[in-house]
Structure formats: structure tokens, C-alpha cells
């Protein structure tokens, strides 16, 4: 295993995949005990991929390496059906969102509540991410409560984000 196989792994080794990301690195050996570490398609016991956690944490460098190793950009978590794009959008990680979109992330994909990445940008009040995603479509997509992303932003009291989606 090379240094690149343990992305940003100068810190202590952890048996818990998410601990490695919380400490700021992706340890593919920990994530990939199911024999997919060399491809980048590594998941934890809940179906959360290393790419999803890197996107959630806003680590664009880790996302780029995982995608180069073949991480599935549209992988959805087993229960919530959320994707890396949704997690990056909610966190407002514009650089990660752009990287995922360049890798053909699906902006039409929905989670268990029928929310798109644009809905999640609205939930987080992430105006710049919302503008980018809205330009790609799904501005009128409705979640299971019948709410558009603009309605979600307004409900969450993110008025700037809501205004940008009108």
C-alpha cells in the first residue's frame, strides 16, 4: 500500500472509518476492508462511501483522489439514499460540488424524502451552491411534502437563498 492509498493519513490509524475523516484524512485501508480499497468504491457498514464522507467534510482533495480511483459518484447511502452531491450541497462546499458535477454527479437524483441536492443546498442556506445547482435544473422539483427548493429555503429562514431561487 502506497502513501497515496492512505490519503492524508499522517495521523493515528483508526478502525472506525468515519474517525479517519473526522481527523481530516481518508484511510482507504480502514474504509475498504470489503476488498474495494484499490478502486475507491469503499463503504462503511451503513453504506456510506468514503467519497460521501469526504464530500460532507468538504475535502475536495480527498474527493478528487477517490474519484480518480474510481469512486462511484452517484452512490446513495443505504437508508437515506443521500449522495455525495447532496452532502456537499448541504455543507456549502462549492469546490466539492463542482468536482462532483465534473465527474457527472446526477443533479436529478433524490433521497428517501424526494429531495435533490438543490433541496439540500436550500436546507443549509448555501446560496452559491444553490445558484449553481439551480442553473443546472431541478428548481421546480418537489420533495415529498410538495416543497420546491425555494420553499424549503424560506421555511428554514434562509431568505437570501430563497430569493436566489425565485
N, C-alpha and C. Protein backbone atom coordinates (compact mmCIF):
# COMPACT_ATOMS: atom_id res chain seq x y z
N UNK A 1 0.85 -1.17 0.00
CA UNK A 1 0.00 0.00 0.00
C UNK A 1 0.89 1.24 0.00
N UNK A 2 0.66 2.15 -0.94
CA UNK A 2 1.46 3.36 -1.04
C UNK A 2 0.88 4.46 -0.17
N UNK A 3 1.64 5.53 -0.05
CA UNK A 3 1.18 6.69 0.72
C UNK A 3 -0.12 7.24 0.13
N UNK A 4 -0.27 7.21 -1.19
CA UNK A 4 -1.50 7.71 -1.83
C UNK A 4 -2.70 6.84 -1.50
N UNK A 5 -2.49 5.58 -1.17
CA UNK A 5 -3.61 4.72 -0.83
C UNK A 5 -4.22 5.10 0.52
N UNK A 6 -3.44 5.72 1.36
CA UNK A 6 -3.95 6.23 2.64
C UNK A 6 -3.92 7.75 2.56
N UNK A 7 -4.92 8.31 1.92
CA UNK A 7 -4.96 9.73 1.64
C UNK A 7 -4.92 10.54 2.92
N UNK A 8 -3.97 11.44 3.01
CA UNK A 8 -3.84 12.34 4.15
C UNK A 8 -3.79 11.58 5.46
N UNK A 9 -3.01 10.53 5.54
CA UNK A 9 -3.02 9.66 6.72
C UNK A 9 -1.82 9.86 7.64
N UNK A 10 -1.46 11.10 7.97
CA UNK A 10 -0.33 11.26 8.88
C UNK A 10 -0.72 11.02 10.33
N UNK A 11 -2.00 10.93 10.58
CA UNK A 11 -2.48 10.78 11.96
C UNK A 11 -2.65 9.32 12.32
N UNK A 12 -3.11 9.08 13.51
CA UNK A 12 -3.25 7.71 14.02
C UNK A 12 -4.23 6.89 13.19
N UNK A 13 -3.91 5.63 13.04
CA UNK A 13 -4.77 4.67 12.35
C UNK A 13 -6.03 4.44 13.18
N UNK A 14 -7.15 4.31 12.53
CA UNK A 14 -8.42 4.11 13.24
C UNK A 14 -9.15 2.92 12.65
N UNK A 15 -9.80 2.15 13.49
CA UNK A 15 -10.63 1.05 13.00
C UNK A 15 -12.01 1.55 12.60
N UNK A 16 -12.34 2.76 12.90
CA UNK A 16 -13.65 3.30 12.56
C UNK A 16 -13.48 4.24 11.37
N UNK A 17 -14.08 3.91 10.23
CA UNK A 17 -13.90 4.71 9.02
C UNK A 17 -14.18 6.20 9.20
N UNK A 18 -15.27 6.53 9.86
CA UNK A 18 -15.61 7.95 9.98
C UNK A 18 -14.63 8.71 10.85
N UNK A 19 -13.99 8.02 11.80
CA UNK A 19 -12.99 8.69 12.63
C UNK A 19 -11.86 9.24 11.78
N UNK A 20 -11.46 8.50 10.76
CA UNK A 20 -10.35 8.97 9.93
C UNK A 20 -10.73 10.27 9.23
N UNK A 21 -11.98 10.38 8.76
CA UNK A 21 -12.39 11.62 8.11
C UNK A 21 -12.58 12.74 9.10
N UNK A 22 -13.06 12.44 10.27
CA UNK A 22 -13.22 13.49 11.28
C UNK A 22 -11.86 14.09 11.64
N UNK A 23 -10.83 13.28 11.52
CA UNK A 23 -9.48 13.77 11.81
C UNK A 23 -8.85 14.43 10.58
N UNK A 24 -9.56 14.45 9.47
CA UNK A 24 -9.09 15.18 8.30
C UNK A 24 -8.38 14.37 7.24
N UNK A 25 -8.53 13.07 7.25
CA UNK A 25 -7.94 12.26 6.19
C UNK A 25 -8.84 11.06 5.89
N UNK A 26 -8.60 10.46 4.75
CA UNK A 26 -9.35 9.28 4.35
C UNK A 26 -8.40 8.11 4.36
N UNK A 27 -8.63 7.15 5.22
CA UNK A 27 -7.80 5.97 5.28
C UNK A 27 -8.51 4.86 4.51
N UNK A 28 -8.06 4.62 3.28
CA UNK A 28 -8.75 3.65 2.43
C UNK A 28 -8.65 2.24 2.96
N UNK A 29 -7.60 1.93 3.70
CA UNK A 29 -7.50 0.58 4.25
C UNK A 29 -8.62 0.34 5.25
N UNK A 30 -8.90 1.32 6.09
CA UNK A 30 -9.98 1.20 7.06
C UNK A 30 -11.32 1.12 6.35
N UNK A 31 -11.52 2.01 5.36
CA UNK A 31 -12.80 2.05 4.64
C UNK A 31 -12.98 0.81 3.77
N UNK A 32 -11.90 0.27 3.27
CA UNK A 32 -12.01 -0.75 2.25
C UNK A 32 -11.82 -2.17 2.68
N UNK A 33 -12.17 -2.53 3.86
CA UNK A 33 -11.99 -3.91 4.32
C UNK A 33 -12.81 -4.89 3.49
N UNK A 34 -13.77 -4.38 2.68
CA UNK A 34 -14.58 -5.27 1.84
C UNK A 34 -13.93 -5.52 0.48
N UNK A 35 -12.64 -5.28 0.36
CA UNK A 35 -11.83 -5.58 -0.84
C UNK A 35 -11.99 -4.61 -1.99
N UNK A 36 -12.55 -3.43 -1.76
CA UNK A 36 -12.67 -2.47 -2.85
C UNK A 36 -11.75 -1.27 -2.66
N UNK A 37 -10.84 -1.33 -1.70
CA UNK A 37 -10.00 -0.17 -1.40
C UNK A 37 -9.21 0.32 -2.61
N UNK A 38 -8.76 -0.58 -3.46
CA UNK A 38 -7.95 -0.15 -4.59
C UNK A 38 -8.76 0.60 -5.63
N UNK A 39 -10.07 0.49 -5.61
CA UNK A 39 -10.90 1.17 -6.61
C UNK A 39 -11.47 2.48 -6.13
N UNK A 40 -11.48 2.73 -4.85
CA UNK A 40 -12.09 3.95 -4.34
C UNK A 40 -13.55 3.77 -3.98
N UNK A 41 -14.16 2.65 -4.34
CA UNK A 41 -15.56 2.39 -4.01
C UNK A 41 -15.67 1.71 -2.66
N UNK A 42 -15.30 2.42 -1.62
CA UNK A 42 -15.30 1.85 -0.28
C UNK A 42 -16.45 2.42 0.52
N UNK A 43 -17.09 1.56 1.30
CA UNK A 43 -18.25 1.96 2.10
C UNK A 43 -18.12 1.42 3.52
N UNK A 44 -18.80 2.09 4.44
CA UNK A 44 -18.83 1.58 5.81
C UNK A 44 -20.03 0.65 5.97
N UNK A 45 -20.29 0.24 7.20
CA UNK A 45 -21.35 -0.73 7.47
C UNK A 45 -22.75 -0.19 7.18
N UNK A 46 -22.89 1.12 6.98
CA UNK A 46 -24.20 1.72 6.70
C UNK A 46 -24.38 2.05 5.22
N UNK A 47 -23.38 1.73 4.43
CA UNK A 47 -23.45 2.05 3.01
C UNK A 47 -22.98 3.46 2.69
N UNK A 48 -22.35 4.12 3.65
CA UNK A 48 -21.80 5.45 3.42
C UNK A 48 -20.41 5.29 2.81
N UNK A 49 -20.21 5.90 1.66
CA UNK A 49 -18.93 5.76 0.98
C UNK A 49 -17.91 6.77 1.49
N UNK A 50 -16.65 6.45 1.25
CA UNK A 50 -15.58 7.38 1.60
C UNK A 50 -15.77 8.69 0.85
N UNK A 51 -16.23 8.62 -0.40
CA UNK A 51 -16.49 9.83 -1.18
C UNK A 51 -17.57 10.67 -0.52
N UNK A 52 -18.62 10.04 -0.03
CA UNK A 52 -19.70 10.77 0.64
C UNK A 52 -19.18 11.50 1.87
N UNK A 53 -18.37 10.82 2.66
CA UNK A 53 -17.84 11.45 3.87
C UNK A 53 -16.85 12.56 3.54
N UNK A 54 -16.03 12.35 2.52
CA UNK A 54 -15.10 13.40 2.11
C UNK A 54 -15.87 14.63 1.62
N UNK A 55 -16.96 14.40 0.88
CA UNK A 55 -17.81 15.50 0.41
C UNK A 55 -18.45 16.22 1.59
N UNK A 56 -18.96 15.45 2.54
CA UNK A 56 -19.58 16.01 3.74
C UNK A 56 -18.59 16.89 4.52
N UNK A 57 -17.35 16.43 4.60
CA UNK A 57 -16.32 17.16 5.34
C UNK A 57 -15.73 18.32 4.53
N UNK A 58 -16.07 18.39 3.24
CA UNK A 58 -15.55 19.47 2.41
C UNK A 58 -14.13 19.27 1.94
N UNK A 59 -13.67 18.03 1.91
CA UNK A 59 -12.30 17.74 1.49
C UNK A 59 -12.25 17.48 -0.01
N UNK A 60 -12.05 18.56 -0.77
CA UNK A 60 -12.01 18.43 -2.22
C UNK A 60 -10.84 17.57 -2.68
N UNK A 61 -9.70 17.71 -2.03
CA UNK A 61 -8.53 16.89 -2.40
C UNK A 61 -8.85 15.40 -2.26
N UNK A 62 -9.47 15.01 -1.15
CA UNK A 62 -9.83 13.61 -0.95
C UNK A 62 -10.85 13.17 -2.00
N UNK A 63 -11.82 14.02 -2.30
CA UNK A 63 -12.82 13.68 -3.32
C UNK A 63 -12.15 13.43 -4.67
N UNK A 64 -11.23 14.31 -5.04
CA UNK A 64 -10.54 14.15 -6.33
C UNK A 64 -9.78 12.84 -6.40
N UNK A 65 -9.07 12.49 -5.34
CA UNK A 65 -8.31 11.24 -5.34
C UNK A 65 -9.25 10.04 -5.40
N UNK A 66 -10.31 10.06 -4.60
CA UNK A 66 -11.26 8.95 -4.60
C UNK A 66 -11.92 8.78 -5.97
N UNK A 67 -12.27 9.90 -6.61
CA UNK A 67 -12.87 9.82 -7.94
C UNK A 67 -11.87 9.27 -8.96
N UNK A 68 -10.62 9.67 -8.86
CA UNK A 68 -9.59 9.13 -9.76
C UNK A 68 -9.40 7.64 -9.55
N UNK A 69 -9.63 7.18 -8.32
CA UNK A 69 -9.51 5.75 -8.02
C UNK A 69 -10.78 4.99 -8.42
N UNK A 70 -11.78 5.70 -8.93
CA UNK A 70 -12.98 5.03 -9.42
C UNK A 70 -14.18 5.06 -8.50
N UNK A 71 -14.18 5.94 -7.50
CA UNK A 71 -15.34 6.02 -6.61
C UNK A 71 -16.59 6.33 -7.42
N UNK A 72 -17.67 5.68 -7.06
CA UNK A 72 -18.95 5.86 -7.75
C UNK A 72 -19.58 7.17 -7.30
N UNK A 73 -19.62 8.15 -8.20
CA UNK A 73 -20.05 9.50 -7.85
C UNK A 73 -21.52 9.56 -7.42
N UNK A 74 -22.35 8.67 -7.93
CA UNK A 74 -23.79 8.70 -7.62
C UNK A 74 -24.22 7.63 -6.62
N UNK A 75 -23.26 7.06 -5.89
CA UNK A 75 -23.60 6.07 -4.86
C UNK A 75 -24.51 6.72 -3.82
N UNK A 76 -25.57 6.01 -3.44
CA UNK A 76 -26.51 6.50 -2.43
C UNK A 76 -26.40 5.66 -1.16
N UNK A 77 -26.43 6.33 -0.03
CA UNK A 77 -26.40 5.66 1.27
C UNK A 77 -27.61 4.74 1.37
N UNK A 78 -27.43 3.63 2.02
CA UNK A 78 -28.42 2.55 2.07
C UNK A 78 -29.80 2.99 2.58
N UNK A 79 -29.85 3.77 3.63
CA UNK A 79 -31.13 4.10 4.27
C UNK A 79 -31.73 5.42 3.78
N UNK A 80 -30.95 6.48 3.83
CA UNK A 80 -31.47 7.81 3.46
C UNK A 80 -31.47 8.05 1.96
N UNK A 81 -30.67 7.27 1.25
CA UNK A 81 -30.49 7.42 -0.20
C UNK A 81 -29.79 8.74 -0.57
N UNK A 82 -29.13 9.37 0.40
CA UNK A 82 -28.40 10.60 0.12
C UNK A 82 -27.09 10.27 -0.60
N UNK A 83 -26.63 11.24 -1.39
CA UNK A 83 -25.42 11.08 -2.19
C UNK A 83 -24.35 12.08 -1.75
N UNK A 84 -23.16 11.91 -2.30
CA UNK A 84 -22.07 12.84 -2.02
C UNK A 84 -22.44 14.26 -2.44
N UNK A 85 -23.12 14.39 -3.57
CA UNK A 85 -23.52 15.72 -4.04
C UNK A 85 -24.48 16.38 -3.05
N UNK A 86 -25.41 15.62 -2.52
CA UNK A 86 -26.35 16.17 -1.54
C UNK A 86 -25.62 16.63 -0.28
N UNK A 87 -24.66 15.83 0.16
CA UNK A 87 -23.91 16.17 1.37
C UNK A 87 -23.05 17.40 1.17
N UNK A 88 -22.39 17.48 0.03
CA UNK A 88 -21.56 18.66 -0.26
C UNK A 88 -22.43 19.90 -0.41
N UNK A 89 -23.59 19.75 -1.04
CA UNK A 89 -24.50 20.88 -1.23
C UNK A 89 -24.99 21.42 0.11
N UNK A 90 -25.40 20.54 1.00
CA UNK A 90 -25.89 20.99 2.31
C UNK A 90 -24.79 21.69 3.09
N UNK A 91 -23.57 21.22 2.96
CA UNK A 91 -22.45 21.82 3.67
C UNK A 91 -21.92 23.09 3.03
N UNK A 92 -22.39 23.39 1.81
CA UNK A 92 -21.93 24.59 1.13
C UNK A 92 -20.52 24.49 0.58
N UNK A 93 -20.08 23.28 0.30
CA UNK A 93 -18.73 23.05 -0.20
C UNK A 93 -18.71 23.20 -1.73
N UNK A 94 -18.67 24.44 -2.19
CA UNK A 94 -18.79 24.75 -3.61
C UNK A 94 -17.73 24.05 -4.45
N UNK A 95 -16.49 24.02 -3.99
CA UNK A 95 -15.44 23.36 -4.76
C UNK A 95 -15.71 21.87 -4.90
N UNK A 96 -16.21 21.24 -3.85
CA UNK A 96 -16.54 19.81 -3.90
C UNK A 96 -17.72 19.59 -4.85
N UNK A 97 -18.73 20.45 -4.77
CA UNK A 97 -19.89 20.33 -5.67
C UNK A 97 -19.42 20.41 -7.11
N UNK A 98 -18.55 21.35 -7.43
CA UNK A 98 -18.04 21.48 -8.80
C UNK A 98 -17.27 20.24 -9.23
N UNK A 99 -16.45 19.70 -8.34
CA UNK A 99 -15.70 18.48 -8.64
C UNK A 99 -16.65 17.32 -8.93
N UNK A 100 -17.67 17.17 -8.11
CA UNK A 100 -18.63 16.08 -8.30
C UNK A 100 -19.41 16.26 -9.60
N UNK A 101 -19.79 17.49 -9.91
CA UNK A 101 -20.51 17.75 -11.16
C UNK A 101 -19.62 17.46 -12.37
N UNK A 102 -18.35 17.80 -12.29
CA UNK A 102 -17.41 17.49 -13.37
C UNK A 102 -17.31 15.99 -13.58
N UNK A 103 -17.49 15.24 -12.50
CA UNK A 103 -17.45 13.77 -12.57
C UNK A 103 -18.81 13.16 -12.86
N UNK A 104 -19.73 13.98 -13.33
CA UNK A 104 -21.06 13.53 -13.78
C UNK A 104 -22.01 13.15 -12.64
N UNK A 105 -21.93 13.88 -11.52
CA UNK A 105 -22.91 13.67 -10.45
C UNK A 105 -24.29 14.02 -10.99
N UNK A 106 -25.28 13.23 -10.63
CA UNK A 106 -26.65 13.37 -11.12
C UNK A 106 -27.43 14.35 -10.25
N UNK A 107 -27.75 15.52 -10.81
CA UNK A 107 -28.50 16.54 -10.06
C UNK A 107 -29.97 16.19 -9.91
N UNK A 108 -30.43 15.18 -10.64
CA UNK A 108 -31.85 14.78 -10.54
C UNK A 108 -32.09 13.68 -9.51
N UNK A 109 -31.03 13.10 -8.99
CA UNK A 109 -31.16 12.02 -8.02
C UNK A 109 -31.83 12.54 -6.75
N UNK A 110 -32.74 11.73 -6.18
CA UNK A 110 -33.47 12.13 -4.97
C UNK A 110 -33.20 11.15 -3.84
N UNK A 111 -33.35 11.67 -2.62
CA UNK A 111 -33.19 10.82 -1.44
C UNK A 111 -34.54 10.23 -1.05
N UNK A 112 -34.61 9.62 0.11
CA UNK A 112 -35.83 8.95 0.56
C UNK A 112 -37.00 9.93 0.76
N UNK A 113 -36.69 11.22 0.95
CA UNK A 113 -37.72 12.25 1.12
C UNK A 113 -37.99 13.00 -0.18
N UNK A 114 -37.46 12.46 -1.29
CA UNK A 114 -37.62 13.05 -2.62
C UNK A 114 -36.92 14.41 -2.75
N UNK A 115 -35.87 14.61 -1.97
CA UNK A 115 -35.13 15.86 -2.03
C UNK A 115 -33.90 15.70 -2.92
N UNK A 116 -33.67 16.70 -3.75
CA UNK A 116 -32.50 16.74 -4.62
C UNK A 116 -31.35 17.44 -3.90
N UNK A 117 -30.20 17.48 -4.54
CA UNK A 117 -29.06 18.23 -3.98
C UNK A 117 -29.43 19.70 -3.83
N UNK A 118 -30.24 20.22 -4.74
CA UNK A 118 -30.67 21.62 -4.64
C UNK A 118 -31.53 21.84 -3.39
N UNK A 119 -32.40 20.90 -3.07
CA UNK A 119 -33.16 20.99 -1.82
C UNK A 119 -32.20 21.06 -0.63
N UNK A 120 -31.14 20.23 -0.65
CA UNK A 120 -30.21 20.19 0.47
C UNK A 120 -29.39 21.47 0.57
N UNK A 121 -29.07 22.10 -0.56
CA UNK A 121 -28.41 23.41 -0.52
C UNK A 121 -29.35 24.43 0.12
N UNK A 122 -30.64 24.32 -0.18
CA UNK A 122 -31.64 25.22 0.41
C UNK A 122 -31.77 24.98 1.92
N UNK A 123 -31.76 23.72 2.33
CA UNK A 123 -31.83 23.39 3.76
C UNK A 123 -30.68 24.06 4.51
N UNK A 124 -29.50 24.01 3.92
CA UNK A 124 -28.31 24.56 4.56
C UNK A 124 -28.13 26.06 4.37
N UNK A 125 -28.99 26.67 3.55
CA UNK A 125 -28.84 28.10 3.27
C UNK A 125 -27.59 28.41 2.49
N UNK A 126 -27.23 27.53 1.60
CA UNK A 126 -25.99 27.64 0.82
C UNK A 126 -26.27 28.30 -0.52
N UNK A 127 -26.32 29.62 -0.52
CA UNK A 127 -26.78 30.39 -1.67
C UNK A 127 -25.95 30.15 -2.92
N UNK A 128 -24.63 30.18 -2.82
CA UNK A 128 -23.79 30.00 -4.02
C UNK A 128 -23.97 28.61 -4.62
N UNK A 129 -24.02 27.61 -3.78
CA UNK A 129 -24.25 26.24 -4.26
C UNK A 129 -25.64 26.14 -4.88
N UNK A 130 -26.62 26.75 -4.23
CA UNK A 130 -27.99 26.72 -4.75
C UNK A 130 -28.07 27.37 -6.13
N UNK A 131 -27.39 28.51 -6.29
CA UNK A 131 -27.39 29.18 -7.61
C UNK A 131 -26.80 28.27 -8.69
N UNK A 132 -25.68 27.64 -8.37
CA UNK A 132 -25.03 26.75 -9.33
C UNK A 132 -25.96 25.59 -9.71
N UNK A 133 -26.52 24.93 -8.71
CA UNK A 133 -27.39 23.78 -8.98
C UNK A 133 -28.67 24.20 -9.68
N UNK A 134 -29.23 25.35 -9.32
CA UNK A 134 -30.46 25.83 -9.96
C UNK A 134 -30.23 26.09 -11.44
N UNK A 135 -29.04 26.56 -11.79
CA UNK A 135 -28.71 26.80 -13.19
C UNK A 135 -28.70 25.51 -14.00
N UNK A 136 -28.53 24.39 -13.32
CA UNK A 136 -28.49 23.08 -13.99
C UNK A 136 -29.86 22.41 -14.01
N UNK A 137 -30.86 23.02 -13.40
CA UNK A 137 -32.21 22.46 -13.39
C UNK A 137 -32.67 22.07 -12.00
N UNK A 138 -33.81 21.47 -11.92
CA UNK A 138 -34.43 20.98 -10.68
C UNK A 138 -34.94 22.09 -9.77
N UNK A 139 -35.03 23.33 -10.28
CA UNK A 139 -35.52 24.45 -9.49
C UNK A 139 -36.97 24.23 -9.06
N UNK A 140 -37.73 23.52 -9.89
CA UNK A 140 -39.14 23.29 -9.60
C UNK A 140 -39.41 21.90 -9.02
N UNK A 141 -38.37 21.14 -8.73
CA UNK A 141 -38.54 19.80 -8.16
C UNK A 141 -39.21 19.91 -6.80
N UNK A 142 -40.11 18.98 -6.51
CA UNK A 142 -40.82 19.00 -5.24
C UNK A 142 -40.46 17.77 -4.42
N UNK A 143 -40.26 18.00 -3.12
CA UNK A 143 -39.99 16.89 -2.21
C UNK A 143 -41.30 16.22 -1.83
N UNK A 144 -41.26 15.25 -0.92
CA UNK A 144 -42.48 14.51 -0.59
C UNK A 144 -43.53 15.38 0.10
N UNK A 145 -43.14 16.54 0.63
CA UNK A 145 -44.11 17.48 1.20
C UNK A 145 -44.63 18.46 0.16
N UNK A 146 -44.20 18.29 -1.09
CA UNK A 146 -44.63 19.18 -2.16
C UNK A 146 -43.90 20.51 -2.19
N UNK A 147 -42.74 20.59 -1.53
CA UNK A 147 -41.99 21.84 -1.44
C UNK A 147 -40.88 21.91 -2.49
N UNK A 148 -40.77 23.06 -3.14
CA UNK A 148 -39.65 23.32 -4.03
C UNK A 148 -38.45 23.73 -3.19
N UNK A 149 -37.26 23.76 -3.77
CA UNK A 149 -36.10 24.23 -3.02
C UNK A 149 -36.28 25.65 -2.46
N UNK A 150 -36.91 26.54 -3.23
CA UNK A 150 -37.15 27.90 -2.73
C UNK A 150 -38.05 27.88 -1.50
N UNK A 151 -39.06 27.04 -1.51
CA UNK A 151 -39.96 26.93 -0.36
C UNK A 151 -39.22 26.39 0.86
N UNK A 152 -38.34 25.42 0.64
CA UNK A 152 -37.55 24.85 1.73
C UNK A 152 -36.65 25.93 2.33
N UNK A 153 -35.98 26.70 1.48
CA UNK A 153 -35.09 27.77 1.97
C UNK A 153 -35.88 28.79 2.78
N UNK A 154 -37.04 29.15 2.30
CA UNK A 154 -37.89 30.11 3.03
C UNK A 154 -38.32 29.53 4.38
N UNK A 155 -38.73 28.28 4.39
CA UNK A 155 -39.15 27.63 5.64
C UNK A 155 -38.01 27.60 6.65
N UNK A 156 -36.78 27.42 6.17
CA UNK A 156 -35.61 27.36 7.04
C UNK A 156 -35.09 28.76 7.39
N UNK A 157 -35.79 29.78 6.91
CA UNK A 157 -35.43 31.19 7.17
C UNK A 157 -34.12 31.61 6.50
N UNK A 158 -33.83 30.98 5.37
CA UNK A 158 -32.66 31.36 4.56
C UNK A 158 -33.16 32.23 3.42
N UNK A 159 -33.46 33.47 3.75
CA UNK A 159 -34.13 34.36 2.79
C UNK A 159 -33.27 34.68 1.56
N UNK A 160 -31.96 34.84 1.73
CA UNK A 160 -31.10 35.11 0.57
C UNK A 160 -31.10 33.92 -0.39
N UNK A 161 -31.04 32.73 0.17
CA UNK A 161 -31.07 31.53 -0.67
C UNK A 161 -32.42 31.42 -1.36
N UNK A 162 -33.50 31.64 -0.63
CA UNK A 162 -34.84 31.58 -1.22
C UNK A 162 -34.97 32.59 -2.35
N UNK A 163 -34.51 33.81 -2.12
CA UNK A 163 -34.59 34.85 -3.15
C UNK A 163 -33.80 34.47 -4.39
N UNK A 164 -32.66 33.82 -4.21
CA UNK A 164 -31.84 33.43 -5.36
C UNK A 164 -32.50 32.33 -6.18
N UNK A 165 -33.47 31.64 -5.60
CA UNK A 165 -34.15 30.55 -6.30
C UNK A 165 -35.48 30.97 -6.91
N UNK A 166 -35.88 32.21 -6.71
CA UNK A 166 -37.15 32.71 -7.25
C UNK A 166 -37.00 33.09 -8.71
